[in-house]
Amino acid sequence: MPDWLTPQQWQAVLLSLQVSAVAIAASLPLGILTAHALARWRFPGHALLNGLVHLPLILPPVVTGYLLLLGFGRRGIFGAPLDEWFGIVFAFRWTGAALAAAVMAFPLMVRTIRLSIEAVDPRLEQAAATLGASRGAVFRTVTLPLILPGIIAGSIIGFAKAMGEFGATITFVSNIPGQTQTLPTAIYTELQVPGTEAQIARLVAVSVIIAMAALIASEWLGRRLARRLAGT
């Protein structure tokens, strides 16, 4: 459908899919570890960790983007050594868009996975531990298989959130066509141009289709998780 969207807009759609996929794939292991710690462990700083995880949901996205710029910009606390030692640059690159999307999607992903862990009967894990299994073995052989649908659902919800990320992304990596312009920032660009209502409607339609597909998949997996834990 070459005439439905311009090549630049298709590029923005594909970059959004790439950014979201990389963001979720890179943050998923940390998300599972964080969710497990919040659900099962009690330690000093538990409330602080819970607050930090959910902070991007409360802060204005522009503030989150600014903090990312301070931390991971070329002269940032983490950005400068990453650039100097490993040649990794986030600011004004698509990798920065992936980082911003991961930060904004992280709370929703962790919350979904945490709920799935809390739904697992702790007696199953305790029974495995009494048979001599280590904490890691208990997680791999008991907890992980039971929460797998929750992990998938959390990943899909995080992916949908990453696809819609705007404020932190445009603050951290700007809106550069072909480099950092994602689907939401492409819509924002069209909004600045008179007479582009049709193009905006098409971009919005693409965004709604992708988001609805992700939510339907998440709902279906959530029901499967409920039936599985109920033993039906």
Protein backbone atom coordinates (compact mmCIF):
# COMPACT_ATOMS: atom_id res chain seq x y z
CA MET A 1 0.00 0.00 0.00
CA PRO A 2 2.53 2.58 -1.17
CA ASP A 3 0.00 5.45 -1.24
CA TRP A 4 -1.63 4.78 2.14
CA LEU A 5 1.32 6.20 4.07
CA THR A 6 4.42 7.98 2.80
CA PRO A 7 7.75 6.11 2.88
CA GLN A 8 8.83 8.33 5.78
CA GLN A 9 5.69 7.43 7.74
CA TRP A 10 6.13 3.72 7.07
CA GLN A 11 9.69 4.16 8.30
CA ALA A 12 8.32 5.68 11.51
CA VAL A 13 5.94 2.73 11.96
CA LEU A 14 8.73 0.19 11.44
CA LEU A 15 11.07 2.11 13.75
CA SER A 16 8.36 2.09 16.44
CA LEU A 17 8.05 -1.69 16.14
CA GLN A 18 11.85 -2.05 16.29
CA VAL A 19 12.21 0.30 19.26
CA SER A 20 9.40 -1.39 21.19
CA ALA A 21 10.68 -4.91 20.52
CA VAL A 22 14.24 -4.04 21.57
CA ALA A 23 12.99 -2.15 24.65
CA ILE A 24 10.96 -5.11 25.92
CA ALA A 25 13.55 -7.77 25.04
CA ALA A 26 16.33 -5.85 26.80
CA SER A 27 14.35 -4.98 29.93
CA LEU A 28 12.45 -8.27 30.37
CA PRO A 29 15.13 -10.14 32.43
CA LEU A 30 15.43 -7.19 34.83
CA GLY A 31 11.65 -6.93 34.91
CA ILE A 32 11.24 -10.57 35.93
CA LEU A 33 13.92 -10.23 38.63
CA THR A 34 12.36 -7.02 39.97
CA ALA A 35 8.84 -8.47 39.96
CA HIS A 36 10.04 -11.58 41.80
CA ALA A 37 11.88 -9.49 44.39
CA LEU A 38 8.82 -7.31 45.02
CA ALA A 39 6.46 -10.28 45.19
CA ARG A 40 8.46 -12.75 47.24
CA TRP A 41 11.29 -11.03 49.09
CA ARG A 42 11.15 -8.79 52.13
CA PHE A 43 14.24 -6.61 52.55
CA PRO A 44 15.18 -3.09 53.67
CA GLY A 45 14.32 -0.70 50.90
CA HIS A 46 11.43 -2.80 49.56
CA ALA A 47 9.09 0.20 49.57
CA LEU A 48 11.79 2.39 48.01
CA LEU A 49 12.36 -0.09 45.16
CA ASN A 50 8.62 -0.34 44.60
CA GLY A 51 8.42 3.46 44.41
CA LEU A 52 11.33 3.77 42.00
CA VAL A 53 9.86 1.12 39.70
CA HIS A 54 6.53 2.94 39.49
CA LEU A 55 7.98 6.46 39.38
CA PRO A 56 7.76 6.80 35.55
CA LEU A 57 4.00 6.28 35.82
CA ILE A 58 3.68 9.34 38.07
CA LEU A 59 6.32 11.71 36.73
CA PRO A 60 5.50 13.81 33.66
CA PRO A 61 7.10 11.97 30.69
CA VAL A 62 9.04 15.12 29.82
CA VAL A 63 10.69 14.98 33.24
CA THR A 64 11.63 11.34 32.69
CA GLY A 65 13.10 12.27 29.31
CA TYR A 66 15.08 15.10 30.86
CA LEU A 67 16.44 12.80 33.57
CA LEU A 68 17.45 10.32 30.86
CA LEU A 69 19.23 13.14 29.04
CA LEU A 70 21.12 14.02 32.23
CA GLY A 71 22.04 10.41 32.89
CA PHE A 72 22.58 8.97 29.41
CA GLY A 73 23.41 12.04 27.31
CA ARG A 74 26.87 12.28 25.79
CA ARG A 75 28.04 14.13 28.89
CA GLY A 76 25.75 12.30 31.30
CA ILE A 77 26.80 10.36 34.38
CA PHE A 78 26.38 7.05 32.56
CA GLY A 79 26.35 8.27 28.96
CA ALA A 80 29.88 9.71 28.98
CA PRO A 81 31.66 6.49 30.12
CA LEU A 82 29.45 4.33 27.88
CA ASP A 83 30.43 6.47 24.88
CA GLU A 84 34.11 6.66 25.81
CA TRP A 85 34.66 3.02 26.80
CA PHE A 86 32.19 1.10 24.62
CA GLY A 87 31.15 3.55 21.91
CA ILE A 88 27.50 3.25 23.01
CA VAL A 89 25.49 6.44 22.42
CA PHE A 90 21.85 6.86 23.38
CA ALA A 91 21.10 10.56 22.94
CA PHE A 92 19.45 11.40 19.60
CA ARG A 93 19.76 7.79 18.42
CA TRP A 94 17.12 5.09 17.98
CA THR A 95 18.79 3.22 20.84
CA GLY A 96 17.89 6.18 23.06
CA ALA A 97 14.28 5.87 21.92
CA ALA A 98 14.43 2.20 22.94
CA LEU A 99 15.83 3.19 26.34
CA ALA A 100 13.08 5.77 26.88
CA ALA A 101 10.41 3.27 25.81
CA ALA A 102 11.85 0.63 28.15
CA VAL A 103 11.81 3.01 31.12
CA MET A 104 8.21 4.07 30.49
CA ALA A 105 6.97 0.49 29.87
CA PHE A 106 8.89 -1.05 32.77
CA PRO A 107 6.32 -0.31 35.54
CA LEU A 108 3.41 -1.90 33.65
CA MET A 109 5.47 -4.94 32.72
CA VAL A 110 6.73 -5.45 36.28
CA ARG A 111 3.24 -5.00 37.77
CA THR A 112 1.72 -7.63 35.46
CA ILE A 113 4.49 -10.15 36.13
CA ARG A 114 4.35 -9.44 39.87
CA LEU A 115 0.61 -10.20 39.96
CA SER A 116 1.24 -13.51 38.22
CA ILE A 117 3.93 -14.41 40.77
CA GLU A 118 1.69 -13.50 43.69
CA ALA A 119 -1.02 -15.76 42.21
CA VAL A 120 1.28 -18.79 42.54
CA ASP A 121 0.69 -20.79 45.72
CA PRO A 122 3.83 -20.29 47.86
CA ARG A 123 3.39 -23.81 49.27
CA LEU A 124 4.44 -25.22 45.89
CA GLU A 125 7.74 -23.35 46.13
CA GLN A 126 8.17 -24.30 49.79
CA ALA A 127 7.58 -27.97 48.96
CA ALA A 128 10.31 -27.86 46.32
CA ALA A 129 12.66 -26.11 48.75
CA THR A 130 12.10 -28.78 51.43
CA LEU A 131 13.22 -31.40 48.87
CA GLY A 132 16.59 -29.67 48.68
CA ALA A 133 16.13 -27.46 45.64
CA SER A 134 18.04 -24.19 45.70
CA ARG A 135 16.23 -20.86 45.39
CA GLY A 136 17.28 -20.62 41.74
CA ALA A 137 16.15 -24.17 41.00
CA VAL A 138 12.78 -23.52 42.66
CA PHE A 139 12.29 -20.46 40.46
CA ARG A 140 13.31 -22.27 37.25
CA THR A 141 11.35 -25.48 37.80
CA VAL A 142 8.29 -24.31 39.76
CA THR A 143 7.70 -20.57 39.58
CA LEU A 144 8.79 -19.79 36.02
CA PRO A 145 6.55 -22.33 34.24
CA LEU A 146 3.53 -21.16 36.25
CA ILE A 147 4.09 -17.47 35.53
CA LEU A 148 5.04 -17.84 31.87
CA PRO A 149 1.63 -16.61 30.60
CA GLY A 150 1.97 -13.64 32.96
CA ILE A 151 5.41 -12.88 31.58
CA ILE A 152 4.04 -12.98 28.04
CA ALA A 153 1.08 -10.78 29.01
CA GLY A 154 3.39 -8.31 30.75
CA SER A 155 5.65 -8.19 27.73
CA ILE A 156 2.71 -7.48 25.42
CA ILE A 157 1.35 -4.72 27.67
CA GLY A 158 4.85 -3.24 27.89
CA PHE A 159 5.17 -3.45 24.10
CA ALA A 160 1.89 -1.57 23.66
CA LYS A 161 3.02 1.09 26.11
CA ALA A 162 6.39 1.40 24.33
CA MET A 163 4.60 1.84 20.99
CA GLY A 164 2.69 4.81 22.38
CA GLU A 165 5.59 6.47 24.18
CA PHE A 166 5.97 10.14 23.24
CA GLY A 167 7.02 12.62 25.95
CA ALA A 168 10.21 10.99 27.21
CA THR A 169 11.22 9.99 23.69
CA ILE A 170 10.92 13.42 22.08
CA THR A 171 12.73 14.99 25.05
CA PHE A 172 15.58 12.50 25.06
CA VAL A 173 16.16 11.78 21.35
CA SER A 174 14.14 14.50 19.61
CA ASN A 175 12.06 13.83 16.47
CA ILE A 176 14.51 13.14 13.65
CA PRO A 177 12.92 11.51 10.56
CA GLY A 178 14.59 8.24 9.70
CA GLN A 179 16.56 8.12 12.94
CA THR A 180 14.41 8.73 16.00
CA GLN A 181 10.97 9.53 14.60
CA THR A 182 8.51 6.94 15.90
CA LEU A 183 4.78 6.58 15.25
CA PRO A 184 3.63 9.02 17.99
CA THR A 185 6.19 11.66 17.01
CA ALA A 186 5.24 11.22 13.33
CA ILE A 187 1.62 12.00 14.29
CA TYR A 188 2.85 15.02 16.21
CA THR A 189 4.77 16.18 13.12
CA GLU A 190 1.71 15.88 10.89
CA LEU A 191 -0.34 17.84 13.43
CA GLN A 192 1.93 20.82 12.82
CA VAL A 193 1.11 20.86 9.09
CA PRO A 194 -2.28 22.20 7.86
CA GLY A 195 -4.29 19.93 5.55
CA THR A 196 -2.83 16.62 6.74
CA GLU A 197 -5.97 15.28 8.41
CA ALA A 198 -6.08 12.21 6.15
CA GLN A 199 -2.46 11.31 6.91
CA ILE A 200 -3.06 11.79 10.63
CA ALA A 201 -6.15 9.57 10.50
CA ARG A 202 -4.15 6.80 8.81
CA LEU A 203 -1.34 7.01 11.33
CA VAL A 204 -3.86 6.96 14.19
CA ALA A 205 -5.55 3.93 12.60
CA VAL A 206 -2.23 2.08 12.48
CA SER A 207 -1.58 2.99 16.11
CA VAL A 208 -5.04 1.83 17.24
CA ILE A 209 -4.77 -1.46 15.31
CA ILE A 210 -1.41 -2.31 16.88
CA ALA A 211 -2.54 -1.32 20.40
CA MET A 212 -5.83 -3.25 20.14
CA ALA A 213 -4.05 -6.35 18.84
CA ALA A 214 -1.68 -6.19 21.82
CA LEU A 215 -4.50 -5.71 24.34
CA ILE A 216 -6.59 -8.55 22.88
CA ALA A 217 -3.57 -10.84 23.01
CA SER A 218 -2.91 -9.78 26.60
CA GLU A 219 -6.54 -10.43 27.61
CA TRP A 220 -6.51 -13.86 25.99
CA LEU A 221 -3.30 -14.81 27.74
CA GLY A 222 -4.62 -13.46 31.06
CA ARG A 223 -7.64 -15.74 30.83
CA ARG A 224 -5.43 -18.68 30.02
CA LEU A 225 -3.33 -17.86 33.09
CA ALA A 226 -6.42 -17.73 35.32
CA ARG A 227 -7.69 -21.08 34.02
CA ARG A 228 -4.27 -22.65 34.39
CA LEU A 229 -3.82 -21.52 38.00
CA ALA A 230 -7.37 -22.63 38.80
CA GLY A 231 -6.58 -26.08 37.39
CA THR A 232 -9.44 -26.08 34.89
